[in-house]
Amino acid sequence: LTHENRHLYLRDDIKFLHLDDYRLIDWYGKPPEEVLARLKELGVDYYLKIRNERNHPILEDLGIDKLLQDHFELVYERGENLLYRLKRE
């Protein structure tokens, strides 16, 4: 899952789900647990947070900050880019 618009330039063997993806739109504004369930249904294991996504409305609509805090762990950091992995529960 990412808000990175340049994902088409990255490795072909990594599948990206964009925050604007049509499969997520119906989950905007839903409780974090429902969003998390949807992300799991879609096979999301990681979240790539990029530096220029601060304060974007979609992040608030999906409750990304709460999801990251409660259900993801930071696994890699490069500058302001952060890679989180879904915690195994």
PDB file of N, CA and C in Angstrom:
ATOM      1  N   LEU A   1       0.859  -1.168   0.000  1.00  0.00           N
ATOM      2  CA  LEU A   1       0.000   0.000   0.000  1.00  0.00           C
ATOM      3  C   LEU A   1       0.895   1.217   0.000  1.00  0.00           C
ATOM      4  N   THR A   2       0.592   2.199  -0.811  1.00  0.00           N
ATOM      5  CA  THR A   2       1.420   3.402  -0.865  1.00  0.00           C
ATOM      6  C   THR A   2       0.655   4.560  -1.479  1.00  0.00           C
ATOM      7  N   HIS A   3       1.196   5.727  -1.289  1.00  0.00           N
ATOM      8  CA  HIS A   3       0.703   6.914  -1.977  1.00  0.00           C
ATOM      9  C   HIS A   3       1.722   7.345  -3.021  1.00  0.00           C
ATOM     10  N   GLU A   4       2.744   6.541  -3.208  1.00  0.00           N
ATOM     11  CA  GLU A   4       3.817   6.809  -4.154  1.00  0.00           C
ATOM     12  C   GLU A   4       3.276   6.719  -5.572  1.00  0.00           C
ATOM     13  N   ASN A   5       3.365   7.813  -6.315  1.00  0.00           N
ATOM     14  CA  ASN A   5       2.860   7.843  -7.686  1.00  0.00           C
ATOM     15  C   ASN A   5       3.851   7.286  -8.696  1.00  0.00           C
ATOM     16  N   ARG A   6       5.074   7.064  -8.283  1.00  0.00           N
ATOM     17  CA  ARG A   6       6.088   6.548  -9.204  1.00  0.00           C
ATOM     18  C   ARG A   6       6.233   5.041  -9.088  1.00  0.00           C
ATOM     19  N   HIS A   7       5.236   4.368  -8.540  1.00  0.00           N
ATOM     20  CA  HIS A   7       5.358   2.925  -8.309  1.00  0.00           C
ATOM     21  C   HIS A   7       5.553   2.132  -9.595  1.00  0.00           C
ATOM     22  N   LEU A   8       5.161   2.682 -10.729  1.00  0.00           N
ATOM     23  CA  LEU A   8       5.347   1.974 -11.996  1.00  0.00           C
ATOM     24  C   LEU A   8       6.818   1.892 -12.398  1.00  0.00           C
ATOM     25  N   TYR A   9       7.664   2.693 -11.780  1.00  0.00           N
ATOM     26  CA  TYR A   9       9.091   2.678 -12.084  1.00  0.00           C
ATOM     27  C   TYR A   9       9.868   1.724 -11.188  1.00  0.00           C
ATOM     28  N   LEU A  10       9.197   1.135 -10.228  1.00  0.00           N
ATOM     29  CA  LEU A  10       9.860   0.243  -9.284  1.00  0.00           C
ATOM     30  C   LEU A  10       9.809  -1.194  -9.797  1.00  0.00           C
ATOM     31  N   ARG A  11      10.350  -2.114  -9.041  1.00  0.00           N
ATOM     32  CA  ARG A  11      10.468  -3.507  -9.474  1.00  0.00           C
ATOM     33  C   ARG A  11       9.129  -4.120  -9.875  1.00  0.00           C
ATOM     34  N   ASP A  12       9.153  -4.882 -10.956  1.00  0.00           N
ATOM     35  CA  ASP A  12       7.948  -5.541 -11.463  1.00  0.00           C
ATOM     36  C   ASP A  12       7.445  -6.655 -10.553  1.00  0.00           C
ATOM     37  N   ASP A  13       8.339  -7.252  -9.756  1.00  0.00           N
ATOM     38  CA  ASP A  13       7.920  -8.371  -8.918  1.00  0.00           C
ATOM     39  C   ASP A  13       7.266  -7.918  -7.612  1.00  0.00           C
ATOM     40  N   ILE A  14       7.213  -6.614  -7.382  1.00  0.00           N
ATOM     41  CA  ILE A  14       6.533  -6.075  -6.203  1.00  0.00           C
ATOM     42  C   ILE A  14       5.205  -5.494  -6.663  1.00  0.00           C
ATOM     43  N   LYS A  15       4.133  -5.958  -6.079  1.00  0.00           N
ATOM     44  CA  LYS A  15       2.799  -5.484  -6.446  1.00  0.00           C
ATOM     45  C   LYS A  15       2.386  -4.366  -5.499  1.00  0.00           C
ATOM     46  N   PHE A  16       1.992  -3.229  -6.054  1.00  0.00           N
ATOM     47  CA  PHE A  16       1.607  -2.066  -5.264  1.00  0.00           C
ATOM     48  C   PHE A  16       0.110  -1.829  -5.329  1.00  0.00           C
ATOM     49  N   LEU A  17      -0.446  -1.425  -4.218  1.00  0.00           N
ATOM     50  CA  LEU A  17      -1.839  -0.989  -4.143  1.00  0.00           C
ATOM     51  C   LEU A  17      -1.794   0.477  -3.743  1.00  0.00           C
ATOM     52  N   HIS A  18      -2.298   1.321  -4.605  1.00  0.00           N
ATOM     53  CA  HIS A  18      -2.251   2.756  -4.362  1.00  0.00           C
ATOM     54  C   HIS A  18      -3.400   3.170  -3.451  1.00  0.00           C
ATOM     55  N   LEU A  19      -3.163   4.152  -2.594  1.00  0.00           N
ATOM     56  CA  LEU A  19      -4.202   4.636  -1.679  1.00  0.00           C
ATOM     57  C   LEU A  19      -5.451   5.113  -2.411  1.00  0.00           C
ATOM     58  N   ASP A  20      -5.296   5.551  -3.663  1.00  0.00           N
ATOM     59  CA  ASP A  20      -6.431   6.008  -4.469  1.00  0.00           C
ATOM     60  C   ASP A  20      -7.120   4.861  -5.214  1.00  0.00           C
ATOM     61  N   ASP A  21      -6.693   3.641  -5.005  1.00  0.00           N
ATOM     62  CA  ASP A  21      -7.216   2.488  -5.732  1.00  0.00           C
ATOM     63  C   ASP A  21      -8.729   2.368  -5.555  1.00  0.00           C
ATOM     64  N   TYR A  22      -9.415   2.053  -6.629  1.00  0.00           N
ATOM     65  CA  TYR A  22     -10.875   1.937  -6.596  1.00  0.00           C
ATOM     66  C   TYR A  22     -11.352   0.893  -5.589  1.00  0.00           C
ATOM     67  N   ARG A  23     -10.510  -0.080  -5.259  1.00  0.00           N
ATOM     68  CA  ARG A  23     -10.908  -1.119  -4.306  1.00  0.00           C
ATOM     69  C   ARG A  23     -10.888  -0.642  -2.858  1.00  0.00           C
ATOM     70  N   LEU A  24     -10.381   0.573  -2.628  1.00  0.00           N
ATOM     71  CA  LEU A  24     -10.339   1.134  -1.271  1.00  0.00           C
ATOM     72  C   LEU A  24     -11.332   2.268  -1.047  1.00  0.00           C
ATOM     73  N   ILE A  25     -11.835   2.855  -2.105  1.00  0.00           N
ATOM     74  CA  ILE A  25     -12.669   4.058  -1.982  1.00  0.00           C
ATOM     75  C   ILE A  25     -13.851   3.851  -1.042  1.00  0.00           C
ATOM     76  N   ASP A  26     -14.510   2.717  -1.100  1.00  0.00           N
ATOM     77  CA  ASP A  26     -15.668   2.471  -0.231  1.00  0.00           C
ATOM     78  C   ASP A  26     -15.288   2.342   1.241  1.00  0.00           C
ATOM     79  N   TRP A  27     -14.000   2.251   1.542  1.00  0.00           N
ATOM     80  CA  TRP A  27     -13.553   2.122   2.931  1.00  0.00           C
ATOM     81  C   TRP A  27     -13.081   3.453   3.518  1.00  0.00           C
ATOM     82  N   TYR A  28     -13.090   4.512   2.718  1.00  0.00           N
ATOM     83  CA  TYR A  28     -12.761   5.838   3.248  1.00  0.00           C
ATOM     84  C   TYR A  28     -13.765   6.183   4.341  1.00  0.00           C
ATOM     85  N   GLY A  29     -13.284   6.616   5.487  1.00  0.00           N
ATOM     86  CA  GLY A  29     -14.152   7.026   6.587  1.00  0.00           C
ATOM     87  C   GLY A  29     -14.652   5.893   7.464  1.00  0.00           C
ATOM     88  N   LYS A  30     -14.299   4.654   7.135  1.00  0.00           N
ATOM     89  CA  LYS A  30     -14.732   3.507   7.949  1.00  0.00           C
ATOM     90  C   LYS A  30     -13.817   3.367   9.169  1.00  0.00           C
ATOM     91  N   PRO A  31     -14.273   2.649  10.193  1.00  0.00           N
ATOM     92  CA  PRO A  31     -13.431   2.408  11.371  1.00  0.00           C
ATOM     93  C   PRO A  31     -12.146   1.671  10.976  1.00  0.00           C
ATOM     94  N   PRO A  32     -11.053   1.938  11.707  1.00  0.00           N
ATOM     95  CA  PRO A  32      -9.760   1.328  11.367  1.00  0.00           C
ATOM     96  C   PRO A  32      -9.805  -0.194  11.251  1.00  0.00           C
ATOM     97  N   GLU A  33     -10.574  -0.867  12.086  1.00  0.00           N
ATOM     98  CA  GLU A  33     -10.623  -2.336  12.026  1.00  0.00           C
ATOM     99  C   GLU A  33     -11.232  -2.819  10.709  1.00  0.00           C
ATOM    100  N   GLU A  34     -12.207  -2.083  10.180  1.00  0.00           N
ATOM    101  CA  GLU A  34     -12.800  -2.458   8.888  1.00  0.00           C
ATOM    102  C   GLU A  34     -11.815  -2.208   7.754  1.00  0.00           C
ATOM    103  N   VAL A  35     -11.093  -1.088   7.844  1.00  0.00           N
ATOM    104  CA  VAL A  35     -10.076  -0.793   6.828  1.00  0.00           C
ATOM    105  C   VAL A  35      -8.989  -1.865   6.868  1.00  0.00           C
ATOM    106  N   LEU A  36      -8.556  -2.231   8.062  1.00  0.00           N
ATOM    107  CA  LEU A  36      -7.535  -3.271   8.211  1.00  0.00           C
ATOM    108  C   LEU A  36      -8.003  -4.591   7.603  1.00  0.00           C
ATOM    109  N   ALA A  37      -9.228  -4.970   7.860  1.00  0.00           N
ATOM    110  CA  ALA A  37      -9.767  -6.208   7.288  1.00  0.00           C
ATOM    111  C   ALA A  37      -9.743  -6.148   5.765  1.00  0.00           C
ATOM    112  N   ARG A  38     -10.085  -4.992   5.204  1.00  0.00           N
ATOM    113  CA  ARG A  38     -10.075  -4.838   3.747  1.00  0.00           C
ATOM    114  C   ARG A  38      -8.649  -4.930   3.203  1.00  0.00           C
ATOM    115  N   LEU A  39      -7.708  -4.299   3.885  1.00  0.00           N
ATOM    116  CA  LEU A  39      -6.315  -4.375   3.440  1.00  0.00           C
ATOM    117  C   LEU A  39      -5.826  -5.817   3.439  1.00  0.00           C
ATOM    118  N   LYS A  40      -6.198  -6.569   4.451  1.00  0.00           N
ATOM    119  CA  LYS A  40      -5.813  -7.985   4.506  1.00  0.00           C
ATOM    120  C   LYS A  40      -6.459  -8.766   3.368  1.00  0.00           C
ATOM    121  N   GLU A  41      -7.733  -8.483   3.075  1.00  0.00           N
ATOM    122  CA  GLU A  41      -8.415  -9.140   1.947  1.00  0.00           C
ATOM    123  C   GLU A  41      -7.678  -8.882   0.640  1.00  0.00           C
ATOM    124  N   LEU A  42      -7.135  -7.680   0.508  1.00  0.00           N
ATOM    125  CA  LEU A  42      -6.441  -7.295  -0.717  1.00  0.00           C
ATOM    126  C   LEU A  42      -4.978  -7.749  -0.726  1.00  0.00           C
ATOM    127  N   GLY A  43      -4.546  -8.422   0.331  1.00  0.00           N
ATOM    128  CA  GLY A  43      -3.194  -8.966   0.378  1.00  0.00           C
ATOM    129  C   GLY A  43      -2.110  -7.973   0.752  1.00  0.00           C
ATOM    130  N   VAL A  44      -2.485  -6.883   1.406  1.00  0.00           N
ATOM    131  CA  VAL A  44      -1.498  -5.879   1.805  1.00  0.00           C
ATOM    132  C   VAL A  44      -0.688  -6.397   2.991  1.00  0.00           C
ATOM    133  N   ASP A  45       0.623  -6.399   2.851  1.00  0.00           N
ATOM    134  CA  ASP A  45       1.533  -6.792   3.927  1.00  0.00           C
ATOM    135  C   ASP A  45       2.415  -5.633   4.377  1.00  0.00           C
ATOM    136  N   TYR A  46       2.585  -4.626   3.513  1.00  0.00           N
ATOM    137  CA  TYR A  46       3.489  -3.511   3.792  1.00  0.00           C
ATOM    138  C   TYR A  46       2.818  -2.188   3.457  1.00  0.00           C
ATOM    139  N   TYR A  47       3.328  -1.139   4.089  1.00  0.00           N
ATOM    140  CA  TYR A  47       2.899   0.222   3.763  1.00  0.00           C
ATOM    141  C   TYR A  47       4.151   1.062   3.558  1.00  0.00           C
ATOM    142  N   LEU A  48       4.281   1.673   2.403  1.00  0.00           N
ATOM    143  CA  LEU A  48       5.401   2.551   2.087  1.00  0.00           C
ATOM    144  C   LEU A  48       4.935   3.986   2.262  1.00  0.00           C
ATOM    145  N   LYS A  49       5.457   4.636   3.281  1.00  0.00           N
ATOM    146  CA  LYS A  49       5.098   6.031   3.572  1.00  0.00           C
ATOM    147  C   LYS A  49       6.174   6.926   2.975  1.00  0.00           C
ATOM    148  N   ILE A  50       5.764   7.815   2.100  1.00  0.00           N
ATOM    149  CA  ILE A  50       6.715   8.697   1.430  1.00  0.00           C
ATOM    150  C   ILE A  50       6.638  10.097   2.023  1.00  0.00           C
ATOM    151  N   ARG A  51       7.697  10.848   1.852  1.00  0.00           N
ATOM    152  CA  ARG A  51       7.828  12.129   2.539  1.00  0.00           C
ATOM    153  C   ARG A  51       6.785  13.160   2.134  1.00  0.00           C
ATOM    154  N   ASN A  52       6.333  13.165   0.925  1.00  0.00           N
ATOM    155  CA  ASN A  52       5.422  14.222   0.493  1.00  0.00           C
ATOM    156  C   ASN A  52       3.949  13.844   0.627  1.00  0.00           C
ATOM    157  N   GLU A  53       3.638  12.884   1.463  1.00  0.00           N
ATOM    158  CA  GLU A  53       2.232  12.517   1.653  1.00  0.00           C
ATOM    159  C   GLU A  53       1.648  13.098   2.941  1.00  0.00           C
ATOM    160  N   ARG A  54       2.428  13.889   3.661  1.00  0.00           N
ATOM    161  CA  ARG A  54       1.944  14.465   4.919  1.00  0.00           C
ATOM    162  C   ARG A  54       0.624  15.200   4.713  1.00  0.00           C
ATOM    163  N   ASN A  55      -0.288  14.982   5.631  1.00  0.00           N
ATOM    164  CA  ASN A  55      -1.562  15.707   5.684  1.00  0.00           C
ATOM    165  C   ASN A  55      -2.443  15.532   4.450  1.00  0.00           C
ATOM    166  N   HIS A  56      -2.269  14.465   3.710  1.00  0.00           N
ATOM    167  CA  HIS A  56      -3.138  14.220   2.551  1.00  0.00           C
ATOM    168  C   HIS A  56      -4.484  13.716   3.053  1.00  0.00           C
ATOM    169  N   PRO A  57      -5.591  14.218   2.506  1.00  0.00           N
ATOM    170  CA  PRO A  57      -6.926  13.814   2.983  1.00  0.00           C
ATOM    171  C   PRO A  57      -7.181  12.310   2.945  1.00  0.00           C
ATOM    172  N   ILE A  58      -6.623  11.604   1.982  1.00  0.00           N
ATOM    173  CA  ILE A  58      -6.848  10.160   1.882  1.00  0.00           C
ATOM    174  C   ILE A  58      -6.291   9.446   3.105  1.00  0.00           C
ATOM    175  N   LEU A  59      -5.158   9.923   3.613  1.00  0.00           N
ATOM    176  CA  LEU A  59      -4.565   9.306   4.798  1.00  0.00           C
ATOM    177  C   LEU A  59      -5.513   9.402   5.979  1.00  0.00           C
ATOM    178  N   GLU A  60      -6.153  10.537   6.119  1.00  0.00           N
ATOM    179  CA  GLU A  60      -7.129  10.712   7.195  1.00  0.00           C
ATOM    180  C   GLU A  60      -8.370   9.863   6.926  1.00  0.00           C
ATOM    181  N   ASP A  61      -8.831   9.837   5.676  1.00  0.00           N
ATOM    182  CA  ASP A  61     -10.030   9.066   5.326  1.00  0.00           C
ATOM    183  C   ASP A  61      -9.865   7.577   5.628  1.00  0.00           C
ATOM    184  N   LEU A  62      -8.663   7.056   5.434  1.00  0.00           N
ATOM    185  CA  LEU A  62      -8.411   5.635   5.687  1.00  0.00           C
ATOM    186  C   LEU A  62      -7.879   5.371   7.093  1.00  0.00           C
ATOM    187  N   GLY A  63      -7.594   6.426   7.849  1.00  0.00           N
ATOM    188  CA  GLY A  63      -7.085   6.248   9.211  1.00  0.00           C
ATOM    189  C   GLY A  63      -5.699   5.626   9.246  1.00  0.00           C
ATOM    190  N   ILE A  64      -4.865   6.008   8.293  1.00  0.00           N
ATOM    191  CA  ILE A  64      -3.546   5.393   8.153  1.00  0.00           C
ATOM    192  C   ILE A  64      -2.692   5.553   9.407  1.00  0.00           C
ATOM    193  N   ASP A  65      -2.677   6.732  10.015  1.00  0.00           N
ATOM    194  CA  ASP A  65      -1.839   6.924  11.206  1.00  0.00           C
ATOM    195  C   ASP A  65      -2.208   5.945  12.314  1.00  0.00           C
ATOM    196  N   LYS A  66      -3.493   5.747  12.551  1.00  0.00           N
ATOM    197  CA  LYS A  66      -3.959   4.811  13.582  1.00  0.00           C
ATOM    198  C   LYS A  66      -3.590   3.374  13.204  1.00  0.00           C
ATOM    199  N   LEU A  67      -3.763   3.025  11.940  1.00  0.00           N
ATOM    200  CA  LEU A  67      -3.404   1.681  11.483  1.00  0.00           C
ATOM    201  C   LEU A  67      -1.909   1.419  11.665  1.00  0.00           C
ATOM    202  N   LEU A  68      -1.088   2.396  11.293  1.00  0.00           N
ATOM    203  CA  LEU A  68       0.355   2.223  11.438  1.00  0.00           C
ATOM    204  C   LEU A  68       0.735   2.056  12.901  1.00  0.00           C
ATOM    205  N   GLN A  69       0.140   2.855  13.745  1.00  0.00           N
ATOM    206  CA  GLN A  69       0.446   2.807  15.178  1.00  0.00           C
ATOM    207  C   GLN A  69       0.059   1.467  15.798  1.00  0.00           C
ATOM    208  N   ASP A  70      -1.100   0.959  15.440  1.00  0.00           N
ATOM    209  CA  ASP A  70      -1.644  -0.228  16.101  1.00  0.00           C
ATOM    210  C   ASP A  70      -1.321  -1.555  15.418  1.00  0.00           C
ATOM    211  N   HIS A  71      -1.109  -1.540  14.102  1.00  0.00           N
ATOM    212  CA  HIS A  71      -1.053  -2.813  13.376  1.00  0.00           C
ATOM    213  C   HIS A  71       0.174  -3.015  12.486  1.00  0.00           C
ATOM    214  N   PHE A  72       1.028  -2.019  12.385  1.00  0.00           N
ATOM    215  CA  PHE A  72       2.217  -2.128  11.537  1.00  0.00           C
ATOM    216  C   PHE A  72       3.468  -1.848  12.361  1.00  0.00           C
ATOM    217  N   GLU A  73       4.606  -2.361  11.885  1.00  0.00           N
ATOM    218  CA  GLU A  73       5.887  -2.088  12.535  1.00  0.00           C
ATOM    219  C   GLU A  73       6.862  -1.545  11.499  1.00  0.00           C
ATOM    220  N   LEU A  74       7.660  -0.576  11.908  1.00  0.00           N
ATOM    221  CA  LEU A  74       8.655   0.018  11.025  1.00  0.00           C
ATOM    222  C   LEU A  74       9.769  -0.996  10.776  1.00  0.00           C
ATOM    223  N   VAL A  75      10.060  -1.265   9.499  1.00  0.00           N
ATOM    224  CA  VAL A  75      11.107  -2.234   9.171  1.00  0.00           C
ATOM    225  C   VAL A  75      12.253  -1.624   8.368  1.00  0.00           C
ATOM    226  N   TYR A  76      12.040  -0.437   7.799  1.00  0.00           N
ATOM    227  CA  TYR A  76      13.096   0.190   7.005  1.00  0.00           C
ATOM    228  C   TYR A  76      12.840   1.681   6.939  1.00  0.00           C
ATOM    229  N   GLU A  77      13.941   2.436   6.991  1.00  0.00           N
ATOM    230  CA  GLU A  77      13.848   3.892   6.921  1.00  0.00           C
ATOM    231  C   GLU A  77      14.978   4.406   6.049  1.00  0.00           C
ATOM    232  N   ARG A  78      14.629   5.244   5.101  1.00  0.00           N
ATOM    233  CA  ARG A  78      15.637   5.881   4.245  1.00  0.00           C
ATOM    234  C   ARG A  78      15.214   7.326   4.064  1.00  0.00           C
ATOM    235  N   GLY A  79      15.919   8.231   4.727  1.00  0.00           N
ATOM    236  CA  GLY A  79      15.509   9.630   4.706  1.00  0.00           C
ATOM    237  C   GLY A  79      14.133   9.751   5.334  1.00  0.00           C
ATOM    238  N   GLU A  80      13.216  10.364   4.608  1.00  0.00           N
ATOM    239  CA  GLU A  80      11.847  10.520   5.105  1.00  0.00           C
ATOM    240  C   GLU A  80      10.912   9.420   4.606  1.00  0.00           C
ATOM    241  N   ASN A  81      11.439   8.457   3.867  1.00  0.00           N
ATOM    242  CA  ASN A  81      10.635   7.338   3.384  1.00  0.00           C
ATOM    243  C   ASN A  81      10.701   6.202   4.401  1.00  0.00           C
ATOM    244  N   LEU A  82       9.534   5.689   4.767  1.00  0.00           N
ATOM    245  CA  LEU A  82       9.436   4.665   5.802  1.00  0.00           C
ATOM    246  C   LEU A  82       8.675   3.458   5.268  1.00  0.00           C
ATOM    247  N   LEU A  83       9.184   2.266   5.538  1.00  0.00           N
ATOM    248  CA  LEU A  83       8.502   1.041   5.142  1.00  0.00           C
ATOM    249  C   LEU A  83       8.022   0.328   6.399  1.00  0.00           C
ATOM    250  N   TYR A  84       6.723   0.080   6.456  1.00  0.00           N
ATOM    251  CA  TYR A  84       6.101  -0.606   7.585  1.00  0.00           C
ATOM    252  C   TYR A  84       5.615  -1.975   7.133  1.00  0.00           C
ATOM    253  N   ARG A  85       5.686  -2.945   8.032  1.00  0.00           N
ATOM    254  CA  ARG A  85       5.170  -4.294   7.765  1.00  0.00           C
ATOM    255  C   ARG A  85       4.005  -4.556   8.709  1.00  0.00           C
ATOM    256  N   LEU A  86       2.978  -5.195   8.189  1.00  0.00           N
ATOM    257  CA  LEU A  86       1.834  -5.590   9.001  1.00  0.00           C
ATOM    258  C   LEU A  86       2.304  -6.560  10.075  1.00  0.00           C
ATOM    259  N   LYS A  87       1.969  -6.283  11.322  1.00  0.00           N
ATOM    260  CA  LYS A  87       2.356  -7.164  12.425  1.00  0.00           C
ATOM    261  C   LYS A  87       1.632  -8.490  12.295  1.00  0.00           C
ATOM    262  N   ARG A  88       2.309  -9.553  12.621  1.00  0.00           N
ATOM    263  CA  ARG A  88       1.692 -10.880  12.643  1.00  0.00           C
ATOM    264  C   ARG A  88       0.957 -11.013  13.963  1.00  0.00           C
ATOM    265  N   GLU A  89      -0.345 -11.132  13.910  1.00  0.00           N
ATOM    266  CA  GLU A  89      -1.150 -11.177  15.144  1.00  0.00           C
ATOM    267  C   GLU A  89      -1.680 -12.552  15.413  1.00  0.00           C
TER     268      GLU A  89
END
